[in-house]
Amino acid sequence: MKRFFQQFYLLMIFLFLYAPIFTLMLFSFNADKSRVVWHGFTLDWYAELFRDATILNSLYVTLIVAFASAFFATILGTAAALGIHCMGRRTRAAYLTVNSIPMSTSDTIMGVTFMLLFALLALDKGYLTLILAHITFSVPYVVLNVMPKLRQLDKNAYEAALDLGATPTQALRKVILPEIMPGIVTGAIMAFTISVDDFVVSYFTAGTTSQPLSVVIYSMTRRRISPKINALSTILFLVVLVLLVIINFRQSRDSRKKIKHAS
């Protein structure tokens, strides 16, 4: 009986979380604009979605910002993780605490802070401010994904490579980076996903010609909600879901490898 109630409780939780999403996805195929009455199956809203110049431009902005911020955040986060890993225990703990601050800070505070900072630096809102903001809040996630791989690394691997005649750059490129590459890839995917999903920071840092999808969707929902938004939200949900599945798959595979090597 106890197990039954536990499963029933979990079912209700998942139903509460995902029922609205599945409803949105279902009505993205509704032949009518109604959000409560089903009038038949159609793909017209998806066709209209890809004919909407505003949405396509915002999709372009979203992908450019996501790829650019993920690229630079991965480089900066990996370098930061390498530096933090080489520090003493107390110093490392202090830096990891500082690294966690952007993740625990309210998105609204982050957005307003970026807006005020860019205004102080006399930077006009646009691609640059948007990418800089996304890089900043993505770096901590890359650091957190790379650090566990550095902890698993053989402490003598770097010195052994130097003893065998490798230069510090060669030891880093041919020994260290291949070992921590799973964490780097996972961090890059996480940074990309977070950038695509962000709204609040983008709202405060995007310019009039560089608005990502999240901001455009918000502006569209202030008027009568079009079924095109349902179609767009369905596509975004599926893309983010696939990326999260890839991240979890890689983490599970790495955990199995670690257990196998330990045994």
Protein backbone atom coordinates (compact mmCIF):
# COMPACT_ATOMS: atom_id res chain seq x y z
CA MET A 1 0.00 0.00 0.00
CA LYS A 2 2.85 2.38 0.87
CA ARG A 3 4.49 1.72 -2.49
CA PHE A 4 1.17 2.40 -4.25
CA PHE A 5 0.81 5.82 -2.61
CA GLN A 6 4.43 6.66 -3.41
CA GLN A 7 3.91 5.87 -7.08
CA PHE A 8 0.58 7.68 -7.13
CA TYR A 9 2.21 10.75 -5.58
CA LEU A 10 4.99 10.74 -8.19
CA LEU A 11 2.42 10.30 -10.95
CA MET A 12 0.47 13.33 -9.74
CA ILE A 13 3.64 15.42 -9.54
CA PHE A 14 4.68 14.54 -13.09
CA LEU A 15 1.13 15.04 -14.33
CA PHE A 16 1.02 18.50 -12.74
CA LEU A 17 4.37 19.41 -14.31
CA TYR A 18 3.93 18.03 -17.80
CA ALA A 19 0.18 18.13 -18.50
CA PRO A 20 0.28 21.84 -19.50
CA ILE A 21 3.21 21.17 -21.83
CA PHE A 22 1.48 18.23 -23.52
CA THR A 23 -1.70 20.30 -23.83
CA LEU A 24 0.25 23.07 -25.54
CA MET A 25 1.86 20.54 -27.88
CA LEU A 26 -1.51 18.98 -28.69
CA PHE A 27 -3.16 22.28 -29.57
CA SER A 28 -0.24 23.24 -31.80
CA PHE A 29 -1.83 20.74 -34.23
CA ASN A 30 -5.38 22.08 -33.76
CA ALA A 31 -7.05 23.22 -36.99
CA ASP A 32 -8.66 26.18 -35.20
CA LYS A 33 -7.28 28.99 -33.03
CA SER A 34 -9.31 27.73 -30.09
CA ARG A 35 -7.31 26.72 -27.05
CA VAL A 36 -10.04 24.59 -25.51
CA VAL A 37 -11.95 22.91 -28.36
CA TRP A 38 -10.35 20.42 -30.75
CA HIS A 39 -11.29 21.03 -34.40
CA GLY A 40 -9.08 18.51 -36.17
CA PHE A 41 -5.44 17.85 -36.99
CA THR A 42 -3.36 20.26 -39.08
CA LEU A 43 0.24 21.30 -39.67
CA ASP A 44 -0.73 24.75 -40.94
CA TRP A 45 0.53 26.54 -37.85
CA TYR A 46 4.00 25.04 -38.31
CA ALA A 47 3.96 26.14 -41.95
CA GLU A 48 2.92 29.68 -40.92
CA LEU A 49 5.58 29.65 -38.22
CA PHE A 50 8.34 29.17 -40.79
CA ARG A 51 6.87 31.90 -42.99
CA ASP A 52 6.94 34.45 -40.17
CA ALA A 53 9.93 36.75 -40.77
CA THR A 54 9.95 38.05 -37.20
CA ILE A 55 10.15 34.58 -35.69
CA LEU A 56 12.78 33.40 -38.17
CA ASN A 57 14.92 36.44 -37.41
CA SER A 58 14.59 35.85 -33.66
CA LEU A 59 15.52 32.18 -34.22
CA TYR A 60 18.63 33.33 -36.07
CA VAL A 61 19.52 35.67 -33.19
CA THR A 62 18.94 32.90 -30.65
CA LEU A 63 21.20 30.43 -32.45
CA ILE A 64 23.96 32.97 -33.08
CA VAL A 65 23.98 34.05 -29.42
CA ALA A 66 23.70 30.48 -28.12
CA PHE A 67 26.57 29.14 -30.26
CA ALA A 68 28.81 32.14 -29.62
CA SER A 69 28.20 32.25 -25.88
CA ALA A 70 28.55 28.46 -25.54
CA PHE A 71 31.85 28.54 -27.47
CA PHE A 72 33.46 31.28 -25.41
CA ALA A 73 31.93 30.08 -22.14
CA THR A 74 33.37 26.61 -22.76
CA ILE A 75 36.86 28.01 -23.34
CA LEU A 76 36.72 30.34 -20.33
CA GLY A 77 35.04 27.76 -18.08
CA THR A 78 37.56 25.05 -18.95
CA ALA A 79 40.49 27.39 -18.33
CA ALA A 80 38.93 28.50 -15.03
CA ALA A 81 38.38 24.88 -13.96
CA LEU A 82 42.01 24.02 -14.71
CA GLY A 83 43.18 26.98 -12.66
CA ILE A 84 40.86 26.27 -9.75
CA HIS A 85 41.89 22.60 -9.73
CA CYS A 86 45.54 23.56 -9.27
CA MET A 87 44.80 25.75 -6.22
CA GLY A 88 45.02 24.77 -2.57
CA ARG A 89 42.01 23.22 -0.88
CA ARG A 90 40.79 26.36 0.90
CA THR A 91 41.43 28.65 -2.05
CA ARG A 92 39.69 26.19 -4.35
CA ALA A 93 36.66 26.06 -2.07
CA ALA A 94 36.49 29.87 -1.99
CA TYR A 95 36.62 30.16 -5.78
CA LEU A 96 34.00 27.46 -6.26
CA THR A 97 31.74 29.36 -3.87
CA VAL A 98 32.23 32.53 -5.93
CA ASN A 99 31.57 30.48 -9.07
CA SER A 100 28.19 29.39 -7.67
CA ILE A 101 26.97 32.92 -6.98
CA PRO A 102 25.68 33.64 -10.54
CA MET A 103 23.72 30.38 -10.49
CA SER A 104 22.04 31.15 -7.18
CA THR A 105 21.38 34.83 -7.91
CA SER A 106 17.94 35.86 -9.17
CA ASP A 107 17.75 36.23 -12.94
CA THR A 108 16.04 39.59 -12.49
CA ILE A 109 18.95 40.89 -10.42
CA MET A 110 21.41 39.54 -12.99
CA GLY A 111 19.51 41.18 -15.84
CA VAL A 112 19.26 44.59 -14.15
CA THR A 113 22.93 44.39 -13.16
CA PHE A 114 24.01 43.71 -16.72
CA MET A 115 21.78 46.51 -18.01
CA LEU A 116 23.31 49.02 -15.58
CA LEU A 117 26.85 47.80 -16.30
CA PHE A 118 26.46 48.14 -20.06
CA ALA A 119 24.90 51.57 -19.61
CA LEU A 120 27.88 52.60 -17.46
CA LEU A 121 30.27 51.34 -20.15
CA ALA A 122 28.24 53.18 -22.82
CA LEU A 123 27.56 49.97 -24.72
CA ASP A 124 24.44 50.04 -26.85
CA LYS A 125 22.17 47.04 -26.47
CA GLY A 126 22.73 44.52 -29.23
CA TYR A 127 24.51 41.31 -30.09
CA LEU A 128 27.60 42.24 -28.07
CA THR A 129 25.77 42.93 -24.81
CA LEU A 130 23.57 39.88 -25.28
CA ILE A 131 26.51 37.54 -25.91
CA LEU A 132 28.57 38.98 -23.05
CA ALA A 133 25.68 38.49 -20.62
CA HIS A 134 25.09 34.92 -21.79
CA ILE A 135 28.79 34.07 -21.52
CA THR A 136 28.87 35.37 -17.97
CA PHE A 137 26.02 33.23 -16.63
CA SER A 138 27.09 30.17 -18.67
CA VAL A 139 30.69 29.94 -17.47
CA PRO A 140 29.83 28.62 -13.95
CA TYR A 141 27.93 25.68 -15.47
CA VAL A 142 30.94 24.75 -17.60
CA VAL A 143 33.21 24.93 -14.55
CA LEU A 144 30.92 22.64 -12.56
CA ASN A 145 30.87 20.09 -15.40
CA VAL A 146 34.65 20.10 -15.93
CA MET A 147 35.71 20.00 -12.26
CA PRO A 148 34.53 16.40 -11.59
CA LYS A 149 36.61 15.18 -14.57
CA LEU A 150 39.66 16.95 -13.20
CA ARG A 151 39.14 15.28 -9.82
CA GLN A 152 39.03 11.86 -11.54
CA LEU A 153 42.25 12.61 -13.42
CA ASP A 154 45.43 10.82 -12.34
CA LYS A 155 47.42 13.36 -10.35
CA ASN A 156 50.69 12.15 -11.93
CA ALA A 157 49.50 12.25 -15.57
CA TYR A 158 50.72 15.78 -16.24
CA GLU A 159 54.13 15.24 -14.61
CA ALA A 160 54.53 11.91 -16.41
CA ALA A 161 53.92 13.59 -19.75
CA LEU A 162 56.57 16.20 -18.94
CA ASP A 163 59.03 13.50 -17.90
CA LEU A 164 58.49 11.78 -21.25
CA GLY A 165 59.56 14.92 -23.09
CA ALA A 166 56.29 16.72 -23.72
CA THR A 167 56.13 20.48 -23.39
CA PRO A 168 53.53 21.93 -20.97
CA THR A 169 51.34 22.84 -23.96
CA GLN A 170 51.63 19.34 -25.43
CA ALA A 171 50.88 17.73 -22.05
CA LEU A 172 47.77 19.85 -21.72
CA ARG A 173 46.60 19.27 -25.28
CA LYS A 174 47.39 15.56 -25.60
CA VAL A 175 46.97 14.27 -22.04
CA ILE A 176 44.76 16.51 -19.91
CA LEU A 177 42.19 17.76 -22.42
CA PRO A 178 41.33 14.30 -23.88
CA GLU A 179 40.72 13.00 -20.35
CA ILE A 180 38.36 15.80 -19.38
CA MET A 181 36.73 16.14 -22.82
CA PRO A 182 33.43 14.48 -21.70
CA GLY A 183 33.01 17.18 -19.07
CA ILE A 184 33.89 19.91 -21.58
CA VAL A 185 31.32 18.63 -24.09
CA THR A 186 28.65 18.32 -21.40
CA GLY A 187 29.41 21.84 -20.20
CA ALA A 188 29.18 23.19 -23.75
CA ILE A 189 25.79 21.53 -24.30
CA MET A 190 24.59 22.85 -20.95
CA ALA A 191 25.75 26.38 -21.82
CA PHE A 192 23.99 26.18 -25.20
CA THR A 193 20.76 24.93 -23.61
CA ILE A 194 20.75 27.61 -20.92
CA SER A 195 21.37 30.33 -23.50
CA VAL A 196 18.47 29.16 -25.68
CA ASP A 197 16.19 28.91 -22.66
CA ASP A 198 17.04 32.28 -21.08
CA PHE A 199 14.48 35.07 -21.05
CA VAL A 200 15.00 37.46 -18.13
CA VAL A 201 18.65 38.38 -18.77
CA SER A 202 17.98 38.58 -22.53
CA TYR A 203 15.04 40.91 -21.91
CA PHE A 204 17.31 43.43 -20.15
CA THR A 205 20.30 43.16 -22.50
CA ALA A 206 18.83 42.63 -26.00
CA GLY A 207 18.51 45.45 -28.48
CA THR A 208 15.61 46.16 -30.81
CA THR A 209 17.29 44.29 -33.68
CA SER A 210 18.76 41.45 -31.62
CA GLN A 211 15.82 39.98 -29.74
CA PRO A 212 15.99 36.20 -29.19
CA LEU A 213 13.03 33.87 -29.36
CA SER A 214 12.17 34.07 -25.67
CA VAL A 215 11.75 37.86 -25.82
CA VAL A 216 9.76 37.69 -29.07
CA ILE A 217 7.45 35.03 -27.61
CA TYR A 218 6.85 37.23 -24.57
CA SER A 219 5.94 40.19 -26.76
CA MET A 220 3.57 37.97 -28.78
CA THR A 221 1.80 36.66 -25.67
CA ARG A 222 0.96 40.20 -24.58
CA ARG A 223 -1.52 40.20 -27.45
CA ARG A 224 -3.89 37.39 -28.40
CA ILE A 225 -1.92 34.16 -28.29
CA SER A 226 -1.43 32.73 -31.78
CA PRO A 227 -1.23 28.95 -32.32
CA LYS A 228 2.13 29.70 -33.93
CA ILE A 229 3.43 30.22 -30.41
CA ASN A 230 2.24 26.72 -29.52
CA ALA A 231 4.09 25.33 -32.52
CA LEU A 232 7.23 27.31 -31.69
CA SER A 233 7.10 26.26 -28.03
CA THR A 234 6.71 22.63 -29.06
CA ILE A 235 9.81 22.80 -31.23
CA LEU A 236 11.82 24.52 -28.48
CA PHE A 237 10.68 21.98 -25.89
CA LEU A 238 11.72 19.06 -28.10
CA VAL A 239 15.11 20.59 -28.90
CA VAL A 240 15.90 21.27 -25.23
CA LEU A 241 14.60 17.79 -24.30
CA VAL A 242 16.95 16.15 -26.82
CA LEU A 243 19.92 18.14 -25.49
CA LEU A 244 19.10 17.21 -21.90
CA VAL A 245 18.78 13.55 -22.86
CA ILE A 246 22.22 13.73 -24.47
CA ILE A 247 23.68 15.32 -21.33
CA ASN A 248 22.13 12.71 -19.03
CA PHE A 249 23.20 9.89 -21.35
CA ARG A 250 26.80 11.10 -21.33
CA GLN A 251 26.80 11.49 -17.55
CA SER A 252 25.33 8.00 -17.07
CA ARG A 253 27.86 6.50 -19.47
CA ASP A 254 30.75 8.25 -17.70
CA SER A 255 29.46 7.00 -14.32
CA ARG A 256 29.32 3.43 -15.62
CA LYS A 257 32.86 3.72 -16.96
CA LYS A 258 34.06 5.06 -13.61
CA ILE A 259 32.44 2.16 -11.73
CA LYS A 260 33.85 -0.34 -14.22
CA HIS A 261 37.38 1.03 -13.88
CA ALA A 262 37.09 1.13 -10.10
CA SER A 263 36.10 -2.54 -10.00
